Structures are given as structure tokens and as C-alpha cells.
Amino acid sequence: MLIVLIVLIQMFKDATVFFSQDTVPTIAHVIPTMDRIDALLNSPLHALNPAVNAALAFARKTMDKYYSKTDHSGIYRIAMGM
């Protein structure tokens, strides 16, 4: 359980540092990173503390709310070659 928690925390830290850079993050980088975060959040995470599971469920809901808006973005469609 502790290892899963460490992996989750490290993933969010790495994403935050990555997105905070001035020169690297572009839509072409952000979308695949968000896809990896989404995949991890939607993978079965068993044996976590109920409070952690509740926080992860809230994170998934919040991320889905904003991530779904990319479907209506022209920039997203160009970046993804749609």
C-alpha cells in the first residue's frame, strides 16, 4: 500500500514540475502526460486507506471534468491530428 501511495505522489509531483516549466510543456506534451495520469487513476488501486480512495475518486472526477473539455478545443484537435 505504501509503495502505491509513493508512486501516486511522485506521479503528481513529476507532472506538476513538468507543467510548471517555461519552455517544455506544449499541448503535444500535456495530452500524453494527462493520459498517463488518467490511466493510473482509473487502474484498480486496491488496499488503500478509504480516505485515500475517496481523495483519488475526487481527483478522477475533477480531472475528468476538465479533461473532457479538451474534446471541444481546436488546439487539442490540431495537436492530436484530428
N, C-alpha and C. Protein backbone atom coordinates (compact mmCIF):
# COMPACT_ATOMS: atom_id res chain seq x y z
N MET A 1 0.82 -1.19 0.00
CA MET A 1 0.00 0.00 0.00
C MET A 1 0.87 1.26 0.00
N LEU A 2 1.92 1.26 0.79
CA LEU A 2 2.78 2.44 0.88
C LEU A 2 3.46 2.71 -0.46
N ILE A 3 3.85 1.66 -1.15
CA ILE A 3 4.53 1.84 -2.44
C ILE A 3 3.57 2.47 -3.45
N VAL A 4 2.31 2.04 -3.45
CA VAL A 4 1.32 2.62 -4.37
C VAL A 4 1.14 4.10 -4.07
N LEU A 5 1.08 4.43 -2.80
CA LEU A 5 0.93 5.84 -2.40
C LEU A 5 2.13 6.67 -2.84
N ILE A 6 3.31 6.12 -2.68
CA ILE A 6 4.54 6.83 -3.09
C ILE A 6 4.53 7.04 -4.60
N VAL A 7 4.13 6.03 -5.35
CA VAL A 7 4.07 6.15 -6.81
C VAL A 7 3.07 7.23 -7.21
N LEU A 8 1.91 7.26 -6.57
CA LEU A 8 0.91 8.28 -6.89
C LEU A 8 1.41 9.68 -6.58
N ILE A 9 1.99 9.85 -5.41
CA ILE A 9 2.50 11.16 -5.02
C ILE A 9 3.61 11.60 -5.96
N GLN A 10 4.51 10.69 -6.30
CA GLN A 10 5.60 11.03 -7.21
C GLN A 10 5.07 11.40 -8.59
N MET A 11 4.03 10.69 -9.04
CA MET A 11 3.45 10.99 -10.35
C MET A 11 2.90 12.41 -10.39
N PHE A 12 2.17 12.80 -9.35
CA PHE A 12 1.61 14.16 -9.31
C PHE A 12 2.72 15.21 -9.17
N LYS A 13 3.75 14.89 -8.41
CA LYS A 13 4.87 15.83 -8.27
C LYS A 13 5.58 16.01 -9.61
N ASP A 14 5.87 14.90 -10.28
CA ASP A 14 6.55 14.97 -11.58
C ASP A 14 5.72 15.76 -12.60
N ALA A 15 4.42 15.52 -12.62
CA ALA A 15 3.55 16.24 -13.55
C ALA A 15 3.52 17.72 -13.23
N THR A 16 3.46 18.06 -11.95
CA THR A 16 3.44 19.47 -11.54
C THR A 16 4.72 20.17 -11.95
N VAL A 17 5.84 19.53 -11.70
CA VAL A 17 7.14 20.13 -12.08
C VAL A 17 7.22 20.25 -13.61
N PHE A 18 6.79 19.23 -14.32
CA PHE A 18 6.82 19.24 -15.78
C PHE A 18 5.96 20.37 -16.34
N PHE A 19 4.73 20.50 -15.85
CA PHE A 19 3.82 21.52 -16.36
C PHE A 19 4.24 22.92 -15.94
N SER A 20 5.06 23.04 -14.93
CA SER A 20 5.48 24.35 -14.43
C SER A 20 6.67 24.93 -15.19
N GLN A 21 7.28 24.16 -16.05
CA GLN A 21 8.43 24.65 -16.80
C GLN A 21 8.00 25.69 -17.81
N ASP A 22 8.90 26.61 -18.08
CA ASP A 22 8.60 27.67 -19.04
C ASP A 22 8.76 27.23 -20.49
N THR A 23 9.65 26.29 -20.75
CA THR A 23 9.99 26.00 -22.14
C THR A 23 9.48 24.67 -22.66
N VAL A 24 9.10 23.74 -21.83
CA VAL A 24 8.79 22.39 -22.31
C VAL A 24 7.31 22.14 -22.58
N PRO A 25 6.43 22.38 -21.63
CA PRO A 25 5.05 21.91 -21.83
C PRO A 25 4.33 22.58 -22.99
N THR A 26 3.97 21.78 -23.93
CA THR A 26 3.11 22.21 -25.02
C THR A 26 1.93 21.25 -25.03
N ILE A 27 0.92 21.56 -25.78
CA ILE A 27 -0.25 20.69 -25.81
C ILE A 27 0.14 19.28 -26.25
N ALA A 28 1.14 19.18 -27.12
CA ALA A 28 1.59 17.87 -27.58
C ALA A 28 2.26 17.07 -26.46
N HIS A 29 2.78 17.74 -25.45
CA HIS A 29 3.36 17.06 -24.29
C HIS A 29 2.33 16.85 -23.18
N VAL A 30 1.45 17.80 -23.02
CA VAL A 30 0.49 17.77 -21.92
C VAL A 30 -0.51 16.62 -22.10
N ILE A 31 -1.03 16.45 -23.29
CA ILE A 31 -2.06 15.44 -23.52
C ILE A 31 -1.56 14.03 -23.19
N PRO A 32 -0.40 13.59 -23.69
CA PRO A 32 0.06 12.24 -23.31
C PRO A 32 0.32 12.11 -21.80
N THR A 33 0.80 13.17 -21.17
CA THR A 33 1.01 13.12 -19.73
C THR A 33 -0.31 12.98 -19.00
N MET A 34 -1.30 13.73 -19.42
CA MET A 34 -2.62 13.62 -18.80
C MET A 34 -3.23 12.24 -19.04
N ASP A 35 -2.96 11.66 -20.21
CA ASP A 35 -3.45 10.31 -20.49
C ASP A 35 -2.84 9.30 -19.52
N ARG A 36 -1.54 9.45 -19.23
CA ARG A 36 -0.88 8.53 -18.29
C ARG A 36 -1.45 8.70 -16.88
N ILE A 37 -1.67 9.94 -16.47
CA ILE A 37 -2.27 10.19 -15.15
C ILE A 37 -3.67 9.58 -15.10
N ASP A 38 -4.45 9.79 -16.14
CA ASP A 38 -5.80 9.25 -16.20
C ASP A 38 -5.78 7.73 -16.11
N ALA A 39 -4.88 7.10 -16.84
CA ALA A 39 -4.79 5.63 -16.81
C ALA A 39 -4.45 5.13 -15.41
N LEU A 40 -3.54 5.81 -14.74
CA LEU A 40 -3.17 5.38 -13.39
C LEU A 40 -4.33 5.60 -12.42
N LEU A 41 -5.01 6.73 -12.53
CA LEU A 41 -6.13 7.00 -11.63
C LEU A 41 -7.29 6.03 -11.87
N ASN A 42 -7.43 5.54 -13.09
CA ASN A 42 -8.52 4.63 -13.41
C ASN A 42 -8.14 3.16 -13.27
N SER A 43 -6.89 2.88 -12.92
CA SER A 43 -6.48 1.50 -12.68
C SER A 43 -6.97 1.08 -11.29
N PRO A 44 -7.19 -0.20 -11.11
CA PRO A 44 -7.67 -0.65 -9.79
C PRO A 44 -6.59 -0.47 -8.73
N LEU A 45 -6.87 0.33 -7.74
CA LEU A 45 -5.93 0.58 -6.64
C LEU A 45 -6.54 -0.01 -5.37
N HIS A 46 -6.23 -1.26 -5.15
CA HIS A 46 -6.82 -1.98 -4.02
C HIS A 46 -5.99 -1.75 -2.76
N ALA A 47 -6.61 -1.97 -1.65
CA ALA A 47 -5.96 -1.98 -0.34
C ALA A 47 -5.44 -0.62 0.10
N LEU A 48 -5.99 0.45 -0.46
CA LEU A 48 -5.61 1.77 0.02
C LEU A 48 -6.57 2.18 1.12
N ASN A 49 -6.14 3.06 1.94
CA ASN A 49 -6.96 3.61 3.01
C ASN A 49 -8.22 4.23 2.40
N PRO A 50 -9.38 4.06 3.03
CA PRO A 50 -10.61 4.64 2.47
C PRO A 50 -10.52 6.14 2.21
N ALA A 51 -9.81 6.86 3.05
CA ALA A 51 -9.65 8.30 2.84
C ALA A 51 -8.85 8.57 1.56
N VAL A 52 -7.84 7.77 1.31
CA VAL A 52 -7.03 7.92 0.09
C VAL A 52 -7.87 7.57 -1.13
N ASN A 53 -8.66 6.50 -1.02
CA ASN A 53 -9.54 6.12 -2.13
C ASN A 53 -10.54 7.23 -2.43
N ALA A 54 -11.07 7.87 -1.40
CA ALA A 54 -12.01 8.98 -1.59
C ALA A 54 -11.32 10.15 -2.27
N ALA A 55 -10.10 10.45 -1.87
CA ALA A 55 -9.34 11.55 -2.48
C ALA A 55 -9.04 11.24 -3.94
N LEU A 56 -8.69 9.99 -4.25
CA LEU A 56 -8.42 9.60 -5.63
C LEU A 56 -9.69 9.67 -6.48
N ALA A 57 -10.81 9.28 -5.90
CA ALA A 57 -12.08 9.38 -6.63
C ALA A 57 -12.39 10.84 -6.95
N PHE A 58 -12.15 11.72 -6.00
CA PHE A 58 -12.37 13.15 -6.23
C PHE A 58 -11.41 13.67 -7.30
N ALA A 59 -10.15 13.22 -7.25
CA ALA A 59 -9.16 13.63 -8.27
C ALA A 59 -9.59 13.16 -9.65
N ARG A 60 -10.08 11.91 -9.73
CA ARG A 60 -10.57 11.40 -11.03
C ARG A 60 -11.74 12.24 -11.54
N LYS A 61 -12.67 12.55 -10.66
CA LYS A 61 -13.85 13.32 -11.06
C LYS A 61 -13.45 14.72 -11.54
N THR A 62 -12.55 15.36 -10.80
CA THR A 62 -12.09 16.70 -11.16
C THR A 62 -11.33 16.68 -12.47
N MET A 63 -10.43 15.70 -12.62
CA MET A 63 -9.65 15.61 -13.85
C MET A 63 -10.56 15.33 -15.04
N ASP A 64 -11.54 14.44 -14.87
CA ASP A 64 -12.47 14.14 -15.97
C ASP A 64 -13.26 15.38 -16.38
N LYS A 65 -13.63 16.18 -15.40
CA LYS A 65 -14.40 17.40 -15.68
C LYS A 65 -13.62 18.32 -16.62
N TYR A 66 -12.35 18.54 -16.32
CA TYR A 66 -11.56 19.46 -17.13
C TYR A 66 -11.00 18.80 -18.38
N TYR A 67 -10.63 17.54 -18.25
CA TYR A 67 -10.05 16.85 -19.39
C TYR A 67 -11.08 16.66 -20.50
N SER A 68 -12.35 16.49 -20.14
CA SER A 68 -13.39 16.32 -21.15
C SER A 68 -13.56 17.58 -22.00
N LYS A 69 -13.16 18.71 -21.47
CA LYS A 69 -13.26 19.97 -22.22
C LYS A 69 -12.29 20.01 -23.41
N THR A 70 -11.24 19.18 -23.36
CA THR A 70 -10.29 19.16 -24.47
C THR A 70 -10.95 18.67 -25.76
N ASP A 71 -12.01 17.87 -25.63
CA ASP A 71 -12.70 17.37 -26.81
C ASP A 71 -13.29 18.51 -27.65
N HIS A 72 -13.52 19.64 -27.03
CA HIS A 72 -14.13 20.78 -27.72
C HIS A 72 -13.11 21.85 -28.09
N SER A 73 -11.84 21.55 -27.90
CA SER A 73 -10.78 22.52 -28.15
C SER A 73 -10.18 22.32 -29.54
N GLY A 74 -10.12 23.39 -30.31
CA GLY A 74 -9.50 23.32 -31.63
C GLY A 74 -8.02 23.01 -31.54
N ILE A 75 -7.34 23.57 -30.55
CA ILE A 75 -5.90 23.32 -30.36
C ILE A 75 -5.67 21.84 -30.10
N TYR A 76 -6.51 21.26 -29.25
CA TYR A 76 -6.38 19.83 -28.95
C TYR A 76 -6.53 19.00 -30.22
N ARG A 77 -7.52 19.33 -31.01
CA ARG A 77 -7.76 18.56 -32.23
C ARG A 77 -6.58 18.68 -33.21
N ILE A 78 -5.99 19.86 -33.28
CA ILE A 78 -4.82 20.03 -34.15
C ILE A 78 -3.65 19.24 -33.61
N ALA A 79 -3.40 19.33 -32.30
CA ALA A 79 -2.28 18.63 -31.68
C ALA A 79 -2.40 17.11 -31.83
N MET A 80 -3.62 16.62 -31.76
CA MET A 80 -3.83 15.18 -31.84
C MET A 80 -4.06 14.70 -33.26
N GLY A 81 -4.00 15.63 -34.23
CA GLY A 81 -4.14 15.27 -35.64
C GLY A 81 -5.54 14.81 -36.02
N MET A 82 -6.55 15.43 -35.39
CA MET A 82 -7.94 15.02 -35.66
C MET A 82 -8.53 15.84 -36.77
